[in-house]
Amino acid sequence: MDQKTQQTASEDRTARPAPAVCARCGATSDNLPITWTCSVEGGVRLYFCDHCGRTHLRSIEGRLDSAWW
C-alpha cells in the first residue's frame, strides 16, 4: 500500500464513528448519548438506550446479565 492509500484508509476510519445501537431494543443514535447505559458482559461492551436502561435499572445494578432480563 502506498502512502496516499494509507492516508485515505486512516481518514475513512476517523471520519465518522459508528452509530450507537441499543443491545436490548435496537434503537440507534448517530453518536453515543451521555444518558445511555454501558455494560460489559462476557468481555463485550453493550449499550442500552434511555428507555431500556430505566426499565431494567434494578437488574443492571444487580449485575445480572441482560439474558436474565
PDB file of N, CA and C in Angstrom:
ATOM      1  N   MET A   1       0.836  -1.171   0.000  1.00  0.00           N
ATOM      2  CA  MET A   1       0.000   0.000   0.000  1.00  0.00           C
ATOM      3  C   MET A   1       0.887   1.243   0.000  1.00  0.00           C
ATOM      4  N   ASP A   2       0.594   2.164  -0.879  1.00  0.00           N
ATOM      5  CA  ASP A   2       1.390   3.386  -0.918  1.00  0.00           C
ATOM      6  C   ASP A   2       0.903   4.375   0.157  1.00  0.00           C
ATOM      7  N   GLN A   3       1.639   5.466   0.311  1.00  0.00           N
ATOM      8  CA  GLN A   3       1.358   6.423   1.376  1.00  0.00           C
ATOM      9  C   GLN A   3      -0.019   7.069   1.208  1.00  0.00           C
ATOM     10  N   LYS A   4      -0.400   7.381  -0.022  1.00  0.00           N
ATOM     11  CA  LYS A   4      -1.701   8.020  -0.261  1.00  0.00           C
ATOM     12  C   LYS A   4      -2.845   7.079   0.112  1.00  0.00           C
ATOM     13  N   THR A   5      -2.716   5.810  -0.228  1.00  0.00           N
ATOM     14  CA  THR A   5      -3.742   4.829   0.114  1.00  0.00           C
ATOM     15  C   THR A   5      -3.842   4.663   1.621  1.00  0.00           C
ATOM     16  N   GLN A   6      -2.699   4.634   2.318  1.00  0.00           N
ATOM     17  CA  GLN A   6      -2.703   4.522   3.773  1.00  0.00           C
ATOM     18  C   GLN A   6      -3.376   5.730   4.403  1.00  0.00           C
ATOM     19  N   GLN A   7      -3.100   6.914   3.885  1.00  0.00           N
ATOM     20  CA  GLN A   7      -3.691   8.134   4.419  1.00  0.00           C
ATOM     21  C   GLN A   7      -5.206   8.110   4.229  1.00  0.00           C
ATOM     22  N   THR A   8      -5.676   7.702   3.063  1.00  0.00           N
ATOM     23  CA  THR A   8      -7.110   7.639   2.790  1.00  0.00           C
ATOM     24  C   THR A   8      -7.780   6.624   3.700  1.00  0.00           C
ATOM     25  N   ALA A   9      -7.142   5.484   3.909  1.00  0.00           N
ATOM     26  CA  ALA A   9      -7.704   4.462   4.781  1.00  0.00           C
ATOM     27  C   ALA A   9      -7.826   4.965   6.207  1.00  0.00           C
ATOM     28  N   SER A  10      -6.827   5.675   6.707  1.00  0.00           N
ATOM     29  CA  SER A  10      -6.903   6.183   8.073  1.00  0.00           C
ATOM     30  C   SER A  10      -7.938   7.297   8.183  1.00  0.00           C
ATOM     31  N   GLU A  11      -8.116   8.102   7.147  1.00  0.00           N
ATOM     32  CA  GLU A  11      -9.141   9.144   7.174  1.00  0.00           C
ATOM     33  C   GLU A  11     -10.528   8.522   7.199  1.00  0.00           C
ATOM     34  N   ASP A  12     -10.733   7.418   6.481  1.00  0.00           N
ATOM     35  CA  ASP A  12     -12.031   6.750   6.476  1.00  0.00           C
ATOM     36  C   ASP A  12     -12.384   6.237   7.863  1.00  0.00           C
ATOM     37  N   ARG A  13     -11.402   5.714   8.602  1.00  0.00           N
ATOM     38  CA  ARG A  13     -11.656   5.185   9.941  1.00  0.00           C
ATOM     39  C   ARG A  13     -11.962   6.280  10.947  1.00  0.00           C
ATOM     40  N   THR A  14     -11.367   7.439  10.787  1.00  0.00           N
ATOM     41  CA  THR A  14     -11.551   8.503  11.759  1.00  0.00           C
ATOM     42  C   THR A  14     -12.619   9.503  11.338  1.00  0.00           C
ATOM     43  N   ALA A  15     -13.127   9.388  10.134  1.00  0.00           N
ATOM     44  CA  ALA A  15     -14.071  10.373   9.626  1.00  0.00           C
ATOM     45  C   ALA A  15     -15.391  10.367  10.399  1.00  0.00           C
ATOM     46  N   ARG A  16     -15.945   9.211  10.672  1.00  0.00           N
ATOM     47  CA  ARG A  16     -17.253   9.150  11.300  1.00  0.00           C
ATOM     48  C   ARG A  16     -17.351   7.923  12.189  1.00  0.00           C
ATOM     49  N   PRO A  17     -17.646   8.105  13.477  1.00  0.00           N
ATOM     50  CA  PRO A  17     -17.765   6.935  14.347  1.00  0.00           C
ATOM     51  C   PRO A  17     -19.024   6.130  14.014  1.00  0.00           C
ATOM     52  N   ALA A  18     -19.000   4.871  14.364  1.00  0.00           N
ATOM     53  CA  ALA A  18     -20.156   4.016  14.116  1.00  0.00           C
ATOM     54  C   ALA A  18     -21.319   4.458  14.993  1.00  0.00           C
ATOM     55  N   PRO A  19     -22.546   4.313  14.518  1.00  0.00           N
ATOM     56  CA  PRO A  19     -23.694   4.705  15.336  1.00  0.00           C
ATOM     57  C   PRO A  19     -23.834   3.775  16.545  1.00  0.00           C
ATOM     58  N   ALA A  20     -24.357   4.330  17.637  1.00  0.00           N
ATOM     59  CA  ALA A  20     -24.607   3.533  18.839  1.00  0.00           C
ATOM     60  C   ALA A  20     -25.914   2.762  18.635  1.00  0.00           C
ATOM     61  N   VAL A  21     -25.919   1.495  19.064  1.00  0.00           N
ATOM     62  CA  VAL A  21     -27.101   0.648  18.928  1.00  0.00           C
ATOM     63  C   VAL A  21     -27.426   0.042  20.284  1.00  0.00           C
ATOM     64  N   CYS A  22     -28.689   0.143  20.702  1.00  0.00           N
ATOM     65  CA  CYS A  22     -29.130  -0.446  21.963  1.00  0.00           C
ATOM     66  C   CYS A  22     -29.123  -1.964  21.828  1.00  0.00           C
ATOM     67  N   ALA A  23     -28.463  -2.644  22.758  1.00  0.00           N
ATOM     68  CA  ALA A  23     -28.358  -4.099  22.703  1.00  0.00           C
ATOM     69  C   ALA A  23     -29.674  -4.783  23.042  1.00  0.00           C
ATOM     70  N   ARG A  24     -30.604  -4.046  23.612  1.00  0.00           N
ATOM     71  CA  ARG A  24     -31.888  -4.633  24.009  1.00  0.00           C
ATOM     72  C   ARG A  24     -32.972  -4.451  22.942  1.00  0.00           C
ATOM     73  N   CYS A  25     -33.224  -3.210  22.530  1.00  0.00           N
ATOM     74  CA  CYS A  25     -34.347  -2.934  21.617  1.00  0.00           C
ATOM     75  C   CYS A  25     -33.905  -2.581  20.199  1.00  0.00           C
ATOM     76  N   GLY A  26     -32.616  -2.309  19.997  1.00  0.00           N
ATOM     77  CA  GLY A  26     -32.119  -1.997  18.666  1.00  0.00           C
ATOM     78  C   GLY A  26     -32.205  -0.533  18.286  1.00  0.00           C
ATOM     79  N   ALA A  27     -32.592   0.338  19.230  1.00  0.00           N
ATOM     80  CA  ALA A  27     -32.638   1.776  18.940  1.00  0.00           C
ATOM     81  C   ALA A  27     -31.243   2.248  18.554  1.00  0.00           C
ATOM     82  N   THR A  28     -31.171   3.218  17.655  1.00  0.00           N
ATOM     83  CA  THR A  28     -29.882   3.722  17.208  1.00  0.00           C
ATOM     84  C   THR A  28     -29.761   5.215  17.456  1.00  0.00           C
ATOM     85  N   SER A  29     -28.524   5.665  17.530  1.00  0.00           N
ATOM     86  CA  SER A  29     -28.213   7.079  17.679  1.00  0.00           C
ATOM     87  C   SER A  29     -26.925   7.338  16.922  1.00  0.00           C
ATOM     88  N   ASP A  30     -26.834   8.488  16.254  1.00  0.00           N
ATOM     89  CA  ASP A  30     -25.637   8.805  15.473  1.00  0.00           C
ATOM     90  C   ASP A  30     -24.393   8.893  16.341  1.00  0.00           C
ATOM     91  N   ASN A  31     -24.544   9.363  17.555  1.00  0.00           N
ATOM     92  CA  ASN A  31     -23.424   9.396  18.492  1.00  0.00           C
ATOM     93  C   ASN A  31     -23.894   8.767  19.795  1.00  0.00           C
ATOM     94  N   LEU A  32     -22.997   8.492  20.684  1.00  0.00           N
ATOM     95  CA  LEU A  32     -23.345   7.829  21.936  1.00  0.00           C
ATOM     96  C   LEU A  32     -23.834   8.864  22.941  1.00  0.00           C
ATOM     97  N   PRO A  33     -25.143   8.909  23.219  1.00  0.00           N
ATOM     98  CA  PRO A  33     -25.667   9.877  24.182  1.00  0.00           C
ATOM     99  C   PRO A  33     -25.141   9.605  25.590  1.00  0.00           C
ATOM    100  N   ILE A  34     -24.931  10.657  26.335  1.00  0.00           N
ATOM    101  CA  ILE A  34     -24.406  10.533  27.692  1.00  0.00           C
ATOM    102  C   ILE A  34     -25.396   9.817  28.611  1.00  0.00           C
ATOM    103  N   THR A  35     -26.663   9.798  28.250  1.00  0.00           N
ATOM    104  CA  THR A  35     -27.691   9.184  29.083  1.00  0.00           C
ATOM    105  C   THR A  35     -27.846   7.683  28.861  1.00  0.00           C
ATOM    106  N   TRP A  36     -27.156   7.121  27.876  1.00  0.00           N
ATOM    107  CA  TRP A  36     -27.233   5.685  27.652  1.00  0.00           C
ATOM    108  C   TRP A  36     -26.390   4.950  28.683  1.00  0.00           C
ATOM    109  N   THR A  37     -26.745   3.704  28.959  1.00  0.00           N
ATOM    110  CA  THR A  37     -26.052   2.876  29.936  1.00  0.00           C
ATOM    111  C   THR A  37     -25.098   1.919  29.219  1.00  0.00           C
ATOM    112  N   CYS A  38     -23.928   1.704  29.812  1.00  0.00           N
ATOM    113  CA  CYS A  38     -22.936   0.783  29.257  1.00  0.00           C
ATOM    114  C   CYS A  38     -22.758  -0.386  30.210  1.00  0.00           C
ATOM    115  N   SER A  39     -22.675  -1.576  29.675  1.00  0.00           N
ATOM    116  CA  SER A  39     -22.467  -2.777  30.469  1.00  0.00           C
ATOM    117  C   SER A  39     -21.456  -3.664  29.749  1.00  0.00           C
ATOM    118  N   VAL A  40     -20.600  -4.319  30.508  1.00  0.00           N
ATOM    119  CA  VAL A  40     -19.653  -5.267  29.922  1.00  0.00           C
ATOM    120  C   VAL A  40     -20.082  -6.664  30.344  1.00  0.00           C
ATOM    121  N   GLU A  41     -20.442  -7.473  29.378  1.00  0.00           N
ATOM    122  CA  GLU A  41     -20.908  -8.832  29.638  1.00  0.00           C
ATOM    123  C   GLU A  41     -20.100  -9.806  28.797  1.00  0.00           C
ATOM    124  N   GLY A  42     -19.421 -10.713  29.452  1.00  0.00           N
ATOM    125  CA  GLY A  42     -18.604 -11.688  28.734  1.00  0.00           C
ATOM    126  C   GLY A  42     -17.493 -11.036  27.933  1.00  0.00           C
ATOM    127  N   GLY A  43     -16.983  -9.905  28.423  1.00  0.00           N
ATOM    128  CA  GLY A  43     -15.905  -9.204  27.748  1.00  0.00           C
ATOM    129  C   GLY A  43     -16.361  -8.344  26.581  1.00  0.00           C
ATOM    130  N   VAL A  44     -17.667  -8.226  26.366  1.00  0.00           N
ATOM    131  CA  VAL A  44     -18.221  -7.435  25.269  1.00  0.00           C
ATOM    132  C   VAL A  44     -18.933  -6.219  25.851  1.00  0.00           C
ATOM    133  N   ARG A  45     -18.635  -5.033  25.317  1.00  0.00           N
ATOM    134  CA  ARG A  45     -19.281  -3.805  25.774  1.00  0.00           C
ATOM    135  C   ARG A  45     -20.631  -3.657  25.080  1.00  0.00           C
ATOM    136  N   LEU A  46     -21.687  -3.535  25.888  1.00  0.00           N
ATOM    137  CA  LEU A  46     -23.045  -3.369  25.372  1.00  0.00           C
ATOM    138  C   LEU A  46     -23.581  -2.014  25.814  1.00  0.00           C
ATOM    139  N   TYR A  47     -24.376  -1.390  24.963  1.00  0.00           N
ATOM    140  CA  TYR A  47     -25.003  -0.114  25.287  1.00  0.00           C
ATOM    141  C   TYR A  47     -26.512  -0.292  25.301  1.00  0.00           C
ATOM    142  N   PHE A  48     -27.179   0.407  26.252  1.00  0.00           N
ATOM    143  CA  PHE A  48     -28.621   0.355  26.373  1.00  0.00           C
ATOM    144  C   PHE A  48     -29.175   1.772  26.348  1.00  0.00           C
ATOM    145  N   CYS A  49     -30.242   1.981  25.577  1.00  0.00           N
ATOM    146  CA  CYS A  49     -30.843   3.309  25.430  1.00  0.00           C
ATOM    147  C   CYS A  49     -31.473   3.764  26.744  1.00  0.00           C
ATOM    148  N   ASP A  50     -31.928   5.008  26.773  1.00  0.00           N
ATOM    149  CA  ASP A  50     -32.559   5.575  27.966  1.00  0.00           C
ATOM    150  C   ASP A  50     -33.715   4.703  28.462  1.00  0.00           C
ATOM    151  N   HIS A  51     -34.598   4.343  27.546  1.00  0.00           N
ATOM    152  CA  HIS A  51     -35.785   3.586  27.925  1.00  0.00           C
ATOM    153  C   HIS A  51     -35.417   2.229  28.520  1.00  0.00           C
ATOM    154  N   CYS A  52     -34.585   1.478  27.849  1.00  0.00           N
ATOM    155  CA  CYS A  52     -34.199   0.145  28.332  1.00  0.00           C
ATOM    156  C   CYS A  52     -33.397   0.247  29.628  1.00  0.00           C
ATOM    157  N   GLY A  53     -32.537   1.245  29.733  1.00  0.00           N
ATOM    158  CA  GLY A  53     -31.761   1.437  30.951  1.00  0.00           C
ATOM    159  C   GLY A  53     -32.645   1.706  32.152  1.00  0.00           C
ATOM    160  N   ARG A  54     -33.654   2.576  31.973  1.00  0.00           N
ATOM    161  CA  ARG A  54     -34.572   2.878  33.083  1.00  0.00           C
ATOM    162  C   ARG A  54     -35.445   1.682  33.429  1.00  0.00           C
ATOM    163  N   THR A  55     -35.934   0.994  32.413  1.00  0.00           N
ATOM    164  CA  THR A  55     -36.824  -0.146  32.634  1.00  0.00           C
ATOM    165  C   THR A  55     -36.126  -1.268  33.401  1.00  0.00           C
ATOM    166  N   HIS A  56     -34.865  -1.487  33.143  1.00  0.00           N
ATOM    167  CA  HIS A  56     -34.136  -2.624  33.726  1.00  0.00           C
ATOM    168  C   HIS A  56     -33.042  -2.179  34.712  1.00  0.00           C
ATOM    169  N   LEU A  57     -33.214  -1.023  35.301  1.00  0.00           N
ATOM    170  CA  LEU A  57     -32.200  -0.466  36.190  1.00  0.00           C
ATOM    171  C   LEU A  57     -31.853  -1.390  37.353  1.00  0.00           C
ATOM    172  N   ARG A  58     -32.832  -1.986  37.995  1.00  0.00           N
ATOM    173  CA  ARG A  58     -32.557  -2.865  39.140  1.00  0.00           C
ATOM    174  C   ARG A  58     -31.738  -4.084  38.719  1.00  0.00           C
ATOM    175  N   SER A  59     -32.029  -4.631  37.573  1.00  0.00           N
ATOM    176  CA  SER A  59     -31.268  -5.786  37.079  1.00  0.00           C
ATOM    177  C   SER A  59     -29.842  -5.380  36.724  1.00  0.00           C
ATOM    178  N   ILE A  60     -29.678  -4.190  36.132  1.00  0.00           N
ATOM    179  CA  ILE A  60     -28.343  -3.704  35.779  1.00  0.00           C
ATOM    180  C   ILE A  60     -27.524  -3.478  37.041  1.00  0.00           C
ATOM    181  N   GLU A  61     -28.124  -2.806  38.044  1.00  0.00           N
ATOM    182  CA  GLU A  61     -27.410  -2.559  39.300  1.00  0.00           C
ATOM    183  C   GLU A  61     -27.088  -3.852  40.028  1.00  0.00           C
ATOM    184  N   GLY A  62     -27.934  -4.872  39.877  1.00  0.00           N
ATOM    185  CA  GLY A  62     -27.693  -6.176  40.482  1.00  0.00           C
ATOM    186  C   GLY A  62     -26.683  -6.999  39.703  1.00  0.00           C
ATOM    187  N   ARG A  63     -26.144  -6.419  38.632  1.00  0.00           N
ATOM    188  CA  ARG A  63     -25.137  -7.056  37.776  1.00  0.00           C
ATOM    189  C   ARG A  63     -25.618  -8.357  37.140  1.00  0.00           C
ATOM    190  N   LEU A  64     -26.908  -8.409  36.841  1.00  0.00           N
ATOM    191  CA  LEU A  64     -27.430  -9.568  36.117  1.00  0.00           C
ATOM    192  C   LEU A  64     -27.142  -9.369  34.635  1.00  0.00           C
ATOM    193  N   ASP A  65     -26.717 -10.426  33.950  1.00  0.00           N
ATOM    194  CA  ASP A  65     -26.515 -10.343  32.504  1.00  0.00           C
ATOM    195  C   ASP A  65     -27.850 -10.048  31.840  1.00  0.00           C
ATOM    196  N   SER A  66     -27.808  -9.349  30.723  1.00  0.00           N
ATOM    197  CA  SER A  66     -29.026  -8.957  30.029  1.00  0.00           C
ATOM    198  C   SER A  66     -29.862 -10.158  29.588  1.00  0.00           C
ATOM    199  N   ALA A  67     -29.267 -11.326  29.480  1.00  0.00           N
ATOM    200  CA  ALA A  67     -30.027 -12.521  29.119  1.00  0.00           C
ATOM    201  C   ALA A  67     -31.074 -12.867  30.193  1.00  0.00           C
ATOM    202  N   TRP A  68     -30.839 -12.430  31.424  1.00  0.00           N
ATOM    203  CA  TRP A  68     -31.755 -12.718  32.531  1.00  0.00           C
ATOM    204  C   TRP A  68     -32.909 -11.736  32.593  1.00  0.00           C
ATOM    205  N   TRP A  69     -32.805 -10.589  31.946  1.00  0.00           N
ATOM    206  CA  TRP A  69     -33.900  -9.630  31.973  1.00  0.00           C
ATOM    207  C   TRP A  69     -34.349  -9.369  30.589  1.00  0.00           C
TER     208      TRP A  69
END
